[in-house]
Amino acid sequence: YSSTGAVVVTRNIAPIITLTIEALAKEKVAVDVWTVAALVYTLIGVALYMMNDIEFSGIGFICIIANMGAGVMERIVQRRLIAVEPVDLSKMVLVLINNSVAIPLVAILLWPTKEYEDWHTLKASDPDGPDNGFAYFLLVLSCFVGVAIGWAGVNAQFYLTATSFMVVGNVNKFIVIAVGMLAMGESSSWEAIVGCVIAITGGFGYGLARMNLNEQEKAKKAAEKAKK
């Protein structure tokens, strides 16, 4: 119901929401004018891209908002369970719980979406099925990559705030947007391209601003320690 780029770029709005929730949750998240400016700059890119996305529907918009909301809550809860109020569980157990609990919830959606009607296309003998074994290889590979993403994500949240992690996750999606434009025929007007570049560079700008804040915090702590 929406293009790949629309989903990926719109999620760049999420860090602003996450930052607000973290502040309300009283987690110490350092903020300065540059971090806020980077997030607002990113929003400009998001708006520019969305205005030129040729495959965007009402249902798609609802799905994107639901996806973004779920992503924000996931980051907030994971951050609290891993770093703020840590639970006595290993990171691999957290990855297992994170994925296994989701299986029955996602399975429920098979019925309203009637996805089961397309299962016959998974057979190599079906006219609409995969052309060769490479497609099955990619399917299996995606499973291993998914496990790696889950494990890396849980570990990353031990060191990053939910907002920073959300920004990192958005920035690395640039290649997905590029593939959508180059291989899937999605919106590739100059406005869309500029919007993508602004959104992604805004993420990098946020990262630099966050690094600068961290350095200032370290220098401040070092100065206070020296006084004692």
Protein backbone atom coordinates (compact mmCIF):
# COMPACT_ATOMS: atom_id res chain seq x y z
CA TYR A 1 0.00 0.00 0.00
CA SER A 2 3.05 2.27 0.13
CA SER A 3 6.47 2.31 -1.46
CA THR A 4 9.54 1.07 0.38
CA GLY A 5 11.03 4.55 0.50
CA ALA A 6 7.88 6.02 2.02
CA VAL A 7 8.00 3.54 4.90
CA VAL A 8 11.70 3.99 5.55
CA VAL A 9 11.88 7.77 5.29
CA THR A 10 8.71 8.41 7.30
CA ARG A 11 10.24 6.51 10.22
CA ASN A 12 12.70 9.39 10.52
CA ILE A 13 9.92 11.21 12.38
CA ALA A 14 10.11 8.57 15.13
CA PRO A 15 13.23 9.93 16.93
CA ILE A 16 11.41 13.17 17.80
CA ILE A 17 8.58 11.17 19.35
CA THR A 18 11.05 8.90 21.14
CA LEU A 19 13.01 11.85 22.51
CA THR A 20 9.82 13.33 23.98
CA ILE A 21 8.82 10.03 25.61
CA GLU A 22 12.30 9.53 27.06
CA ALA A 23 12.19 13.01 28.56
CA LEU A 24 8.78 12.31 30.11
CA ALA A 25 10.11 8.98 31.42
CA LYS A 26 12.84 10.98 33.16
CA GLU A 27 15.76 9.26 31.48
CA LYS A 28 18.76 11.57 31.30
CA VAL A 29 19.02 12.36 27.59
CA ALA A 30 21.29 15.32 26.86
CA VAL A 31 19.82 17.69 24.26
CA ASP A 32 21.14 20.88 22.72
CA VAL A 33 20.17 23.14 19.84
CA TRP A 34 22.16 21.06 17.35
CA THR A 35 20.44 17.76 18.15
CA VAL A 36 17.02 19.38 17.84
CA ALA A 37 18.05 21.17 14.64
CA ALA A 38 19.24 17.87 13.14
CA LEU A 39 15.90 16.21 13.89
CA VAL A 40 13.93 19.14 12.44
CA TYR A 41 16.21 19.17 9.37
CA THR A 42 15.43 15.47 8.95
CA LEU A 43 11.71 16.21 9.08
CA ILE A 44 12.09 18.64 6.18
CA GLY A 45 13.59 15.86 4.10
CA VAL A 46 10.79 13.50 5.11
CA ALA A 47 8.15 16.02 4.06
CA LEU A 48 9.88 16.67 0.74
CA TYR A 49 10.12 12.98 -0.05
CA MET A 50 6.54 12.21 0.95
CA MET A 51 5.20 14.97 -1.32
CA ASN A 52 6.75 13.16 -4.29
CA ASP A 53 6.06 9.55 -3.37
CA ILE A 54 3.83 8.27 -6.16
CA GLU A 55 2.69 5.15 -4.26
CA PHE A 56 1.03 6.32 -1.08
CA SER A 57 -2.48 5.41 0.07
CA GLY A 58 -4.70 5.92 3.08
CA ILE A 59 -4.27 2.32 4.19
CA GLY A 60 -0.54 2.64 3.64
CA PHE A 61 -0.44 5.75 5.81
CA ILE A 62 -2.25 3.94 8.64
CA CYS A 63 0.16 1.00 8.37
CA ILE A 64 3.18 3.32 8.42
CA ILE A 65 1.91 5.12 11.53
CA ALA A 66 1.22 1.78 13.24
CA ASN A 67 4.68 0.56 12.29
CA MET A 68 6.31 3.73 13.60
CA GLY A 69 4.34 3.65 16.83
CA ALA A 70 5.25 0.01 17.46
CA GLY A 71 8.89 0.78 16.69
CA VAL A 72 8.98 3.68 19.15
CA MET A 73 7.43 1.65 21.96
CA GLU A 74 9.77 -1.27 21.26
CA ARG A 75 12.85 0.95 21.57
CA ILE A 76 11.58 2.63 24.74
CA VAL A 77 10.70 -0.64 26.49
CA GLN A 78 13.89 -2.42 25.38
CA ARG A 79 16.02 0.47 26.57
CA ARG A 80 14.41 0.37 30.03
CA LEU A 81 14.71 -3.40 30.33
CA ILE A 82 18.32 -3.47 29.15
CA ALA A 83 19.94 -0.32 30.57
CA VAL A 84 17.63 1.77 32.77
CA GLU A 85 15.95 -0.93 34.88
CA PRO A 86 17.76 -4.06 33.67
CA VAL A 87 16.12 -7.46 33.96
CA ASP A 88 18.10 -10.53 35.03
CA LEU A 89 18.10 -12.16 31.58
CA SER A 90 20.81 -12.72 29.02
CA LYS A 91 20.71 -10.78 25.77
CA MET A 92 20.07 -13.93 23.72
CA VAL A 93 17.04 -14.75 25.89
CA LEU A 94 15.74 -11.24 25.25
CA VAL A 95 16.17 -11.79 21.51
CA LEU A 96 14.30 -15.10 21.77
CA ILE A 97 11.42 -13.56 23.72
CA ASN A 98 11.29 -10.57 21.39
CA ASN A 99 10.75 -12.80 18.36
CA SER A 100 8.79 -15.75 19.76
CA VAL A 101 6.10 -13.58 21.35
CA ALA A 102 5.59 -11.82 18.02
CA ILE A 103 4.98 -15.04 16.03
CA PRO A 104 1.38 -15.73 17.14
CA LEU A 105 0.46 -12.04 16.90
CA VAL A 106 1.73 -11.79 13.34
CA ALA A 107 0.13 -15.16 12.46
CA ILE A 108 -3.29 -13.73 13.32
CA LEU A 109 -2.87 -11.24 10.46
CA LEU A 110 -2.67 -14.09 7.94
CA TRP A 111 -6.47 -14.37 7.95
CA PRO A 112 -7.64 -10.77 7.39
CA THR A 113 -4.89 -10.25 4.77
CA LYS A 114 -5.64 -13.67 3.18
CA GLU A 115 -1.94 -14.18 2.62
CA TYR A 116 -2.40 -17.95 2.82
CA GLU A 117 -4.03 -17.80 -0.62
CA ASP A 118 -0.60 -17.06 -2.09
CA TRP A 119 1.27 -19.88 -0.34
CA HIS A 120 1.07 -22.09 -3.42
CA THR A 121 3.44 -19.67 -5.17
CA LEU A 122 6.24 -20.84 -2.86
CA LYS A 123 6.43 -24.09 -4.81
CA ALA A 124 9.07 -24.22 -7.52
CA SER A 125 6.62 -26.18 -9.69
CA ASP A 126 4.03 -23.38 -9.60
CA PRO A 127 3.97 -21.08 -12.66
CA ASP A 128 4.10 -18.07 -10.33
CA GLY A 129 6.75 -19.64 -8.10
CA PRO A 130 10.45 -18.73 -7.81
CA ASP A 131 12.48 -19.11 -10.99
CA ASN A 132 15.42 -20.86 -9.32
CA GLY A 133 16.90 -22.08 -6.05
CA PHE A 134 18.56 -18.73 -5.43
CA ALA A 135 15.23 -17.31 -4.25
CA TYR A 136 15.01 -19.98 -1.55
CA PHE A 137 18.62 -19.27 -0.57
CA LEU A 138 17.74 -15.60 -0.08
CA LEU A 139 14.73 -16.61 2.03
CA VAL A 140 16.88 -18.73 4.36
CA LEU A 141 19.60 -16.07 4.42
CA SER A 142 17.06 -13.47 5.52
CA CYS A 143 16.29 -15.66 8.56
CA PHE A 144 19.93 -15.67 9.65
CA VAL A 145 20.25 -11.94 8.98
CA GLY A 146 17.10 -11.35 11.05
CA VAL A 147 18.63 -13.16 14.03
CA ALA A 148 21.82 -11.11 13.65
CA ILE A 149 19.80 -7.87 13.53
CA GLY A 150 17.88 -8.86 16.68
CA TRP A 151 21.06 -9.74 18.59
CA ALA A 152 22.92 -6.60 17.47
CA GLY A 153 19.90 -4.45 18.28
CA VAL A 154 19.61 -5.72 21.86
CA ASN A 155 23.33 -5.18 22.43
CA ALA A 156 23.27 -1.71 20.86
CA GLN A 157 20.48 -0.56 23.15
CA PHE A 158 22.70 -1.21 26.14
CA TYR A 159 24.95 1.62 24.96
CA LEU A 160 22.52 3.92 23.11
CA THR A 161 19.41 5.77 24.19
CA ALA A 162 16.18 4.81 22.43
CA THR A 163 16.30 8.04 20.42
CA SER A 164 19.89 7.50 19.25
CA PHE A 165 19.16 3.89 18.36
CA MET A 166 16.14 4.96 16.33
CA VAL A 167 18.27 7.48 14.42
CA VAL A 168 20.93 4.85 13.72
CA GLY A 169 18.29 2.46 12.47
CA ASN A 170 16.89 5.09 10.11
CA VAL A 171 20.23 6.15 8.68
CA ASN A 172 21.27 2.65 7.65
CA LYS A 173 18.11 2.33 5.56
CA PHE A 174 19.53 4.54 2.81
CA ILE A 175 20.53 1.52 0.77
CA VAL A 176 16.94 0.25 0.99
CA ILE A 177 15.66 3.53 -0.44
CA ALA A 178 18.29 3.43 -3.19
CA VAL A 179 17.27 -0.11 -4.16
CA GLY A 180 13.64 0.97 -4.22
CA MET A 181 14.45 3.81 -6.61
CA LEU A 182 16.89 1.90 -8.82
CA ALA A 183 15.37 -1.58 -8.95
CA MET A 184 11.69 -1.24 -8.02
CA GLY A 185 10.74 1.82 -10.02
CA GLU A 186 9.75 3.87 -6.99
CA SER A 187 9.63 7.65 -6.85
CA SER A 188 12.97 9.01 -8.09
CA SER A 189 12.25 12.62 -9.01
CA TRP A 190 14.83 15.18 -8.01
CA GLU A 191 12.58 16.28 -5.14
CA ALA A 192 12.36 12.72 -3.81
CA ILE A 193 16.12 12.24 -4.11
CA VAL A 194 16.83 15.55 -2.36
CA GLY A 195 14.32 14.62 0.35
CA CYS A 196 16.08 11.30 0.93
CA VAL A 197 19.49 12.95 1.07
CA ILE A 198 18.24 15.54 3.56
CA ALA A 199 16.63 12.87 5.76
CA ILE A 200 19.71 10.68 5.81
CA THR A 201 22.25 13.49 6.28
CA GLY A 202 20.03 14.77 9.07
CA GLY A 203 20.53 11.43 10.78
CA PHE A 204 24.29 11.75 10.41
CA GLY A 205 24.09 15.29 11.73
CA TYR A 206 22.22 14.05 14.78
CA GLY A 207 24.93 11.45 15.34
CA LEU A 208 27.66 14.10 15.23
CA ALA A 209 25.70 16.36 17.58
CA ARG A 210 25.21 13.45 19.99
CA MET A 211 28.95 12.63 19.89
CA ASN A 212 29.74 16.26 20.68
CA LEU A 213 27.34 16.19 23.64
CA ASN A 214 28.92 13.02 24.95
CA GLU A 215 32.36 14.60 24.76
CA GLN A 216 31.09 17.62 26.68
CA GLU A 217 29.58 15.36 29.34
CA LYS A 218 32.88 13.48 29.71
CA ALA A 219 34.83 16.74 29.99
CA LYS A 220 32.38 18.03 32.61
CA LYS A 221 32.66 14.87 34.69
CA ALA A 222 36.45 14.95 34.41
CA ALA A 223 36.52 18.57 35.60
CA GLU A 224 34.26 17.77 38.58
CA LYS A 225 36.43 14.80 39.50
CA ALA A 226 39.57 16.94 39.31
CA LYS A 227 38.06 19.47 41.74
CA LYS A 228 37.40 16.74 44.29
